[in-house]
N, C-alpha and C. Protein backbone atom coordinates (compact mmCIF):
# COMPACT_ATOMS: atom_id res chain seq x y z
N MET A 1 -4.49 7.80 31.21
CA MET A 1 -4.03 9.05 30.64
C MET A 1 -2.92 8.79 29.62
N ALA A 2 -2.00 7.87 29.95
CA ALA A 2 -0.91 7.56 29.02
C ALA A 2 -1.46 6.95 27.74
N GLY A 3 -2.52 6.15 27.85
CA GLY A 3 -3.14 5.55 26.66
C GLY A 3 -3.72 6.60 25.74
N LEU A 4 -4.32 7.64 26.30
CA LEU A 4 -4.86 8.72 25.48
C LEU A 4 -3.75 9.47 24.77
N VAL A 5 -2.63 9.65 25.45
CA VAL A 5 -1.49 10.33 24.84
C VAL A 5 -0.98 9.52 23.65
N VAL A 6 -0.82 8.20 23.85
CA VAL A 6 -0.32 7.33 22.76
C VAL A 6 -1.30 7.35 21.60
N PHE A 7 -2.58 7.38 21.88
CA PHE A 7 -3.59 7.30 20.84
C PHE A 7 -3.73 8.59 20.05
N PHE A 8 -3.65 9.75 20.71
CA PHE A 8 -3.97 11.00 20.04
C PHE A 8 -2.79 11.88 19.66
N VAL A 9 -1.61 11.65 20.21
CA VAL A 9 -0.46 12.48 19.86
C VAL A 9 -0.05 12.16 18.43
N PRO A 10 0.14 13.17 17.60
CA PRO A 10 0.54 12.91 16.21
C PRO A 10 1.91 12.25 16.15
N LEU A 11 2.02 11.28 15.25
CA LEU A 11 3.30 10.63 15.02
C LEU A 11 4.14 11.49 14.09
N PRO A 12 5.46 11.28 14.07
CA PRO A 12 6.30 12.05 13.15
C PRO A 12 5.83 11.88 11.72
N ALA A 13 5.92 12.94 10.94
CA ALA A 13 5.42 12.92 9.55
C ALA A 13 6.20 11.93 8.70
N SER A 14 7.49 11.84 8.89
CA SER A 14 8.30 10.94 8.08
C SER A 14 9.19 10.10 8.97
N ILE A 15 8.89 8.82 9.06
CA ILE A 15 9.66 7.91 9.90
C ILE A 15 10.89 7.39 9.16
N THR A 16 10.76 7.19 7.85
CA THR A 16 11.88 6.69 7.06
C THR A 16 12.18 7.66 5.92
N ALA A 17 13.38 7.55 5.40
CA ALA A 17 13.76 8.37 4.26
C ALA A 17 13.03 7.87 3.02
N HIS A 18 12.88 8.74 2.06
CA HIS A 18 12.23 8.35 0.81
C HIS A 18 13.07 7.28 0.12
N GLN A 19 12.39 6.30 -0.44
CA GLN A 19 13.07 5.19 -1.09
C GLN A 19 12.60 5.05 -2.53
N GLU A 20 13.32 4.27 -3.28
CA GLU A 20 12.87 3.88 -4.61
C GLU A 20 12.33 2.46 -4.47
N ARG A 21 11.06 2.27 -4.77
CA ARG A 21 10.39 0.98 -4.61
C ARG A 21 10.04 0.43 -5.99
N THR A 22 10.43 -0.81 -6.27
CA THR A 22 10.12 -1.44 -7.54
C THR A 22 9.26 -2.67 -7.29
N PHE A 23 8.15 -2.75 -8.02
CA PHE A 23 7.22 -3.87 -7.91
C PHE A 23 7.07 -4.52 -9.27
N ARG A 24 7.05 -5.84 -9.29
CA ARG A 24 6.72 -6.60 -10.50
C ARG A 24 5.26 -7.01 -10.36
N LEU A 25 4.42 -6.45 -11.21
CA LEU A 25 2.98 -6.66 -11.14
C LEU A 25 2.57 -7.49 -12.35
N GLU A 26 2.17 -8.74 -12.10
CA GLU A 26 1.74 -9.61 -13.19
C GLU A 26 0.24 -9.44 -13.41
N ALA A 27 -0.13 -9.22 -14.66
CA ALA A 27 -1.53 -9.05 -15.03
C ALA A 27 -1.96 -10.24 -15.87
N GLY A 28 -2.99 -10.93 -15.39
CA GLY A 28 -3.55 -12.06 -16.11
C GLY A 28 -5.05 -12.04 -15.91
N GLN A 29 -5.77 -12.64 -16.82
CA GLN A 29 -7.23 -12.59 -16.71
C GLN A 29 -7.67 -13.24 -15.42
N PHE A 30 -8.25 -12.61 -14.52
CA PHE A 30 -8.66 -11.22 -14.42
C PHE A 30 -8.19 -10.68 -13.08
N ALA A 31 -6.88 -10.68 -12.87
CA ALA A 31 -6.34 -10.25 -11.58
C ALA A 31 -4.91 -9.75 -11.75
N TYR A 32 -4.51 -8.98 -10.75
CA TYR A 32 -3.11 -8.54 -10.63
C TYR A 32 -2.47 -9.35 -9.52
N SER A 33 -1.20 -9.64 -9.68
CA SER A 33 -0.46 -10.32 -8.62
C SER A 33 0.88 -9.63 -8.45
N PRO A 34 1.13 -9.02 -7.29
CA PRO A 34 0.28 -8.90 -6.11
C PRO A 34 -0.84 -7.89 -6.36
N SER A 35 -1.90 -7.99 -5.59
CA SER A 35 -3.05 -7.10 -5.80
C SER A 35 -3.02 -5.89 -4.86
N GLU A 36 -2.10 -5.89 -3.89
CA GLU A 36 -1.97 -4.75 -2.98
C GLU A 36 -0.52 -4.32 -2.90
N LEU A 37 -0.29 -3.01 -3.01
CA LEU A 37 1.05 -2.44 -2.90
C LEU A 37 1.05 -1.41 -1.78
N GLN A 38 2.12 -1.40 -0.98
CA GLN A 38 2.25 -0.47 0.15
C GLN A 38 3.55 0.30 -0.01
N VAL A 39 3.46 1.63 -0.02
CA VAL A 39 4.64 2.48 -0.11
C VAL A 39 4.49 3.62 0.88
N ASN A 40 5.59 4.28 1.18
CA ASN A 40 5.56 5.47 2.04
C ASN A 40 5.40 6.71 1.18
N SER A 41 4.83 7.73 1.76
CA SER A 41 4.65 8.99 1.05
C SER A 41 6.02 9.55 0.67
N GLY A 42 6.16 9.96 -0.57
CA GLY A 42 7.42 10.51 -1.05
C GLY A 42 8.31 9.49 -1.75
N ASP A 43 7.97 8.21 -1.69
CA ASP A 43 8.76 7.18 -2.37
C ASP A 43 8.61 7.29 -3.88
N ARG A 44 9.68 6.98 -4.60
CA ARG A 44 9.59 6.83 -6.06
C ARG A 44 9.16 5.39 -6.31
N VAL A 45 8.05 5.24 -7.02
CA VAL A 45 7.46 3.93 -7.27
C VAL A 45 7.68 3.55 -8.73
N ASN A 46 8.23 2.35 -8.95
CA ASN A 46 8.40 1.79 -10.29
C ASN A 46 7.58 0.51 -10.34
N ILE A 47 6.57 0.49 -11.19
CA ILE A 47 5.74 -0.70 -11.35
C ILE A 47 6.05 -1.30 -12.71
N GLN A 48 6.55 -2.53 -12.69
CA GLN A 48 6.83 -3.27 -13.92
C GLN A 48 5.60 -4.13 -14.21
N LEU A 49 4.80 -3.71 -15.18
CA LEU A 49 3.59 -4.44 -15.54
C LEU A 49 3.94 -5.51 -16.55
N VAL A 50 3.63 -6.76 -16.20
CA VAL A 50 3.90 -7.90 -17.06
C VAL A 50 2.57 -8.54 -17.43
N SER A 51 2.26 -8.58 -18.72
CA SER A 51 1.02 -9.22 -19.17
C SER A 51 1.32 -10.69 -19.45
N THR A 52 0.53 -11.58 -18.83
CA THR A 52 0.77 -13.01 -18.99
C THR A 52 -0.09 -13.67 -20.06
N ASP A 53 -1.11 -12.95 -20.58
CA ASP A 53 -1.99 -13.62 -21.55
C ASP A 53 -2.47 -12.71 -22.68
N VAL A 54 -3.14 -11.62 -22.39
CA VAL A 54 -3.64 -10.70 -23.41
C VAL A 54 -3.16 -9.29 -23.07
N VAL A 55 -3.51 -8.31 -23.88
CA VAL A 55 -3.12 -6.93 -23.60
C VAL A 55 -3.83 -6.48 -22.33
N HIS A 56 -3.06 -5.94 -21.38
CA HIS A 56 -3.61 -5.41 -20.14
C HIS A 56 -3.07 -4.00 -19.94
N GLY A 57 -3.80 -3.25 -19.15
CA GLY A 57 -3.37 -1.91 -18.81
C GLY A 57 -3.34 -1.75 -17.30
N LEU A 58 -2.84 -0.61 -16.88
CA LEU A 58 -2.80 -0.27 -15.46
C LEU A 58 -3.07 1.23 -15.36
N TYR A 59 -4.14 1.58 -14.68
CA TYR A 59 -4.49 2.97 -14.44
C TYR A 59 -4.56 3.16 -12.93
N VAL A 60 -3.85 4.16 -12.39
CA VAL A 60 -3.83 4.41 -10.96
C VAL A 60 -4.74 5.60 -10.66
N ASP A 61 -5.88 5.32 -10.00
CA ASP A 61 -6.82 6.38 -9.63
C ASP A 61 -6.13 7.38 -8.71
N GLY A 62 -6.47 8.62 -8.82
CA GLY A 62 -5.91 9.67 -7.97
C GLY A 62 -4.61 10.24 -8.52
N TYR A 63 -3.88 9.44 -9.28
CA TYR A 63 -2.65 9.91 -9.90
C TYR A 63 -2.83 10.16 -11.39
N ASN A 64 -3.91 9.61 -11.96
CA ASN A 64 -4.25 9.79 -13.37
C ASN A 64 -3.10 9.45 -14.30
N ILE A 65 -2.47 8.29 -14.05
CA ILE A 65 -1.39 7.79 -14.89
C ILE A 65 -1.72 6.38 -15.31
N SER A 66 -1.24 5.99 -16.49
CA SER A 66 -1.55 4.65 -16.98
C SER A 66 -0.47 4.15 -17.93
N ILE A 67 -0.46 2.83 -18.09
CA ILE A 67 0.42 2.17 -19.07
C ILE A 67 -0.32 0.96 -19.62
N GLU A 68 0.21 0.38 -20.70
CA GLU A 68 -0.32 -0.84 -21.29
C GLU A 68 0.83 -1.79 -21.54
N ALA A 69 0.54 -3.10 -21.45
CA ALA A 69 1.55 -4.11 -21.73
C ALA A 69 0.96 -5.17 -22.67
N ASP A 70 1.69 -5.48 -23.72
CA ASP A 70 1.29 -6.54 -24.65
C ASP A 70 1.61 -7.90 -24.05
N PRO A 71 0.99 -8.97 -24.55
CA PRO A 71 1.25 -10.31 -24.00
C PRO A 71 2.74 -10.65 -24.00
N GLY A 72 3.21 -11.10 -22.85
CA GLY A 72 4.61 -11.49 -22.71
C GLY A 72 5.57 -10.32 -22.59
N GLN A 73 5.08 -9.12 -22.60
CA GLN A 73 5.93 -7.94 -22.55
C GLN A 73 5.86 -7.27 -21.17
N THR A 74 6.91 -6.51 -20.84
CA THR A 74 6.97 -5.76 -19.59
C THR A 74 7.05 -4.28 -19.92
N THR A 75 6.23 -3.49 -19.25
CA THR A 75 6.24 -2.04 -19.38
C THR A 75 6.40 -1.46 -17.98
N THR A 76 7.13 -0.37 -17.85
CA THR A 76 7.38 0.22 -16.53
C THR A 76 6.70 1.58 -16.40
N LEU A 77 6.04 1.74 -15.26
CA LEU A 77 5.39 3.00 -14.88
C LEU A 77 6.13 3.55 -13.67
N SER A 78 6.59 4.79 -13.74
CA SER A 78 7.32 5.42 -12.63
C SER A 78 6.63 6.71 -12.21
N PHE A 79 6.52 6.89 -10.89
CA PHE A 79 5.93 8.11 -10.35
C PHE A 79 6.35 8.27 -8.90
N VAL A 80 6.18 9.47 -8.37
CA VAL A 80 6.45 9.74 -6.96
C VAL A 80 5.13 9.68 -6.22
N ALA A 81 5.07 8.84 -5.19
CA ALA A 81 3.85 8.67 -4.39
C ALA A 81 3.75 9.82 -3.40
N ASP A 82 3.22 10.94 -3.87
CA ASP A 82 3.18 12.15 -3.04
C ASP A 82 1.78 12.48 -2.52
N LYS A 83 0.84 11.57 -2.72
CA LYS A 83 -0.53 11.77 -2.23
C LYS A 83 -0.86 10.65 -1.26
N PRO A 84 -0.92 10.93 0.04
CA PRO A 84 -1.21 9.86 0.99
C PRO A 84 -2.65 9.38 0.88
N GLY A 85 -2.83 8.09 1.17
CA GLY A 85 -4.17 7.50 1.14
C GLY A 85 -4.16 6.16 0.44
N SER A 86 -5.36 5.65 0.17
CA SER A 86 -5.53 4.38 -0.56
C SER A 86 -6.11 4.69 -1.93
N PHE A 87 -5.53 4.09 -2.94
CA PHE A 87 -5.94 4.33 -4.32
C PHE A 87 -6.14 3.00 -5.03
N ARG A 88 -7.19 2.96 -5.85
CA ARG A 88 -7.43 1.78 -6.66
C ARG A 88 -6.55 1.84 -7.89
N PHE A 89 -6.05 0.68 -8.33
CA PHE A 89 -5.49 0.60 -9.67
C PHE A 89 -6.28 -0.47 -10.40
N ARG A 90 -6.47 -0.25 -11.69
CA ARG A 90 -7.34 -1.13 -12.45
C ARG A 90 -6.87 -1.24 -13.88
N CYS A 91 -7.35 -2.30 -14.52
CA CYS A 91 -7.03 -2.50 -15.93
C CYS A 91 -7.85 -1.52 -16.75
N ASN A 92 -7.19 -0.78 -17.63
CA ASN A 92 -7.88 0.20 -18.46
C ASN A 92 -7.95 -0.23 -19.92
N VAL A 93 -7.72 -1.53 -20.17
CA VAL A 93 -7.87 -2.10 -21.50
C VAL A 93 -8.86 -3.26 -21.38
N THR A 94 -9.92 -3.23 -22.16
CA THR A 94 -10.92 -4.30 -22.08
C THR A 94 -10.24 -5.63 -22.42
N CYS A 95 -10.23 -6.54 -21.43
CA CYS A 95 -9.46 -7.78 -21.58
C CYS A 95 -10.34 -9.03 -21.47
N GLY A 96 -11.64 -8.86 -21.38
CA GLY A 96 -12.53 -10.02 -21.31
C GLY A 96 -13.76 -9.72 -20.47
N ALA A 97 -14.56 -10.76 -20.26
CA ALA A 97 -15.85 -10.60 -19.58
C ALA A 97 -15.72 -10.11 -18.13
N MET A 98 -14.67 -10.50 -17.42
CA MET A 98 -14.50 -10.12 -16.01
C MET A 98 -13.59 -8.90 -15.85
N HIS A 99 -13.35 -8.20 -16.94
CA HIS A 99 -12.48 -7.01 -16.94
C HIS A 99 -12.81 -6.00 -15.84
N PRO A 100 -14.10 -5.68 -15.58
CA PRO A 100 -14.39 -4.66 -14.56
C PRO A 100 -13.94 -5.04 -13.15
N PHE A 101 -13.66 -6.32 -12.93
CA PHE A 101 -13.27 -6.78 -11.60
C PHE A 101 -11.76 -6.88 -11.43
N MET A 102 -11.01 -6.46 -12.41
CA MET A 102 -9.55 -6.52 -12.36
C MET A 102 -9.04 -5.25 -11.71
N ILE A 103 -8.97 -5.28 -10.38
CA ILE A 103 -8.57 -4.11 -9.62
C ILE A 103 -7.55 -4.50 -8.54
N GLY A 104 -6.84 -3.52 -8.05
CA GLY A 104 -5.90 -3.69 -6.95
C GLY A 104 -5.90 -2.45 -6.09
N LYS A 105 -5.03 -2.43 -5.09
CA LYS A 105 -5.00 -1.30 -4.16
C LYS A 105 -3.58 -0.85 -3.91
N LEU A 106 -3.37 0.46 -4.01
CA LEU A 106 -2.09 1.09 -3.68
C LEU A 106 -2.32 1.92 -2.42
N THR A 107 -1.56 1.62 -1.37
CA THR A 107 -1.66 2.38 -0.12
C THR A 107 -0.39 3.20 0.02
N VAL A 108 -0.57 4.52 0.16
CA VAL A 108 0.55 5.44 0.29
C VAL A 108 0.53 6.02 1.69
N GLY A 109 1.58 5.79 2.45
CA GLY A 109 1.68 6.30 3.81
C GLY A 109 2.02 5.18 4.78
N SER A 110 2.57 5.55 5.90
CA SER A 110 2.93 4.54 6.89
C SER A 110 1.70 4.11 7.66
N ASN A 111 1.80 2.97 8.30
CA ASN A 111 0.68 2.39 9.03
C ASN A 111 0.68 2.94 10.46
N HIS A 112 0.11 4.13 10.67
CA HIS A 112 0.09 4.77 11.98
C HIS A 112 -0.69 3.93 13.00
N TRP A 113 -1.73 3.26 12.55
CA TRP A 113 -2.53 2.46 13.48
C TRP A 113 -1.71 1.32 14.07
N LEU A 114 -0.79 0.77 13.31
CA LEU A 114 0.07 -0.29 13.84
C LEU A 114 0.92 0.25 14.98
N TYR A 115 1.54 1.40 14.79
CA TYR A 115 2.40 1.96 15.82
C TYR A 115 1.59 2.34 17.06
N ARG A 116 0.42 2.87 16.86
CA ARG A 116 -0.44 3.22 17.99
C ARG A 116 -0.88 1.96 18.74
N SER A 117 -1.22 0.91 18.02
CA SER A 117 -1.64 -0.35 18.65
C SER A 117 -0.51 -0.96 19.47
N ILE A 118 0.69 -0.91 18.94
CA ILE A 118 1.85 -1.43 19.68
C ILE A 118 2.04 -0.63 20.97
N GLY A 119 1.93 0.69 20.88
CA GLY A 119 2.06 1.53 22.07
C GLY A 119 1.01 1.22 23.11
N LEU A 120 -0.23 1.05 22.68
CA LEU A 120 -1.31 0.71 23.63
C LEU A 120 -1.11 -0.67 24.23
N ALA A 121 -0.62 -1.63 23.43
CA ALA A 121 -0.36 -2.97 23.95
C ALA A 121 0.73 -2.95 25.01
N VAL A 122 1.78 -2.18 24.78
CA VAL A 122 2.87 -2.07 25.77
C VAL A 122 2.34 -1.45 27.05
N LEU A 123 1.50 -0.42 26.94
CA LEU A 123 0.91 0.19 28.14
C LEU A 123 0.02 -0.81 28.89
N ALA A 124 -0.74 -1.61 28.17
CA ALA A 124 -1.60 -2.60 28.81
C ALA A 124 -0.77 -3.64 29.55
N ILE A 125 0.30 -4.10 28.93
CA ILE A 125 1.17 -5.09 29.59
C ILE A 125 1.81 -4.49 30.83
N MET A 126 2.25 -3.25 30.74
CA MET A 126 2.84 -2.58 31.91
C MET A 126 1.80 -2.45 33.03
N GLY A 127 0.55 -2.15 32.66
CA GLY A 127 -0.51 -2.04 33.66
C GLY A 127 -0.77 -3.36 34.35
N VAL A 128 -0.76 -4.45 33.61
CA VAL A 128 -0.96 -5.77 34.20
C VAL A 128 0.19 -6.11 35.15
N ILE A 129 1.41 -5.82 34.74
CA ILE A 129 2.58 -6.11 35.60
C ILE A 129 2.51 -5.30 36.88
N VAL A 130 2.16 -4.02 36.77
CA VAL A 130 2.06 -3.17 37.97
C VAL A 130 0.96 -3.67 38.89
N SER A 131 -0.19 -4.07 38.35
CA SER A 131 -1.28 -4.55 39.20
C SER A 131 -0.93 -5.87 39.88
N ILE A 132 -0.17 -6.73 39.22
CA ILE A 132 0.26 -7.99 39.81
C ILE A 132 1.24 -7.72 40.96
N LYS A 133 2.15 -6.78 40.76
CA LYS A 133 3.12 -6.45 41.79
C LYS A 133 2.45 -5.83 43.02
N ARG A 134 1.40 -5.06 42.81
CA ARG A 134 0.68 -4.44 43.94
C ARG A 134 -0.05 -5.48 44.78
N LYS A 135 -0.56 -6.53 44.14
CA LYS A 135 -1.26 -7.58 44.87
C LYS A 135 -0.30 -8.44 45.67
N ALA A 136 0.94 -8.54 45.21
CA ALA A 136 1.91 -9.41 45.89
C ALA A 136 2.50 -8.80 47.12
């Protein structure tokens, strides 16, 4: 019964205060580094796009915002991550033959499954300890 409660009870909507998050995103043929970004809902996100070779762009699906960076230059994109979920970001400037595969992922929201898994693991450990004590 306790496991069902941990699994299905809604977690608090906001565990941490909104933060300003800055990421340095290097764009080179044909990948972003880092390719995955994780922020909490409500955070102000600043992405510094650095092009290492040719002109690259960054378009964030779901937010409909974009920027471009010339070779060796840094451009900054700022927005508030107010839409929870997973969003693709991709190069919106044709940069070569593998251009369509230049994508990354922005995840907005806390990892509720992690907290639920930790709660279930603690319950399982407590159950094992209780069963061992009963046998003794």
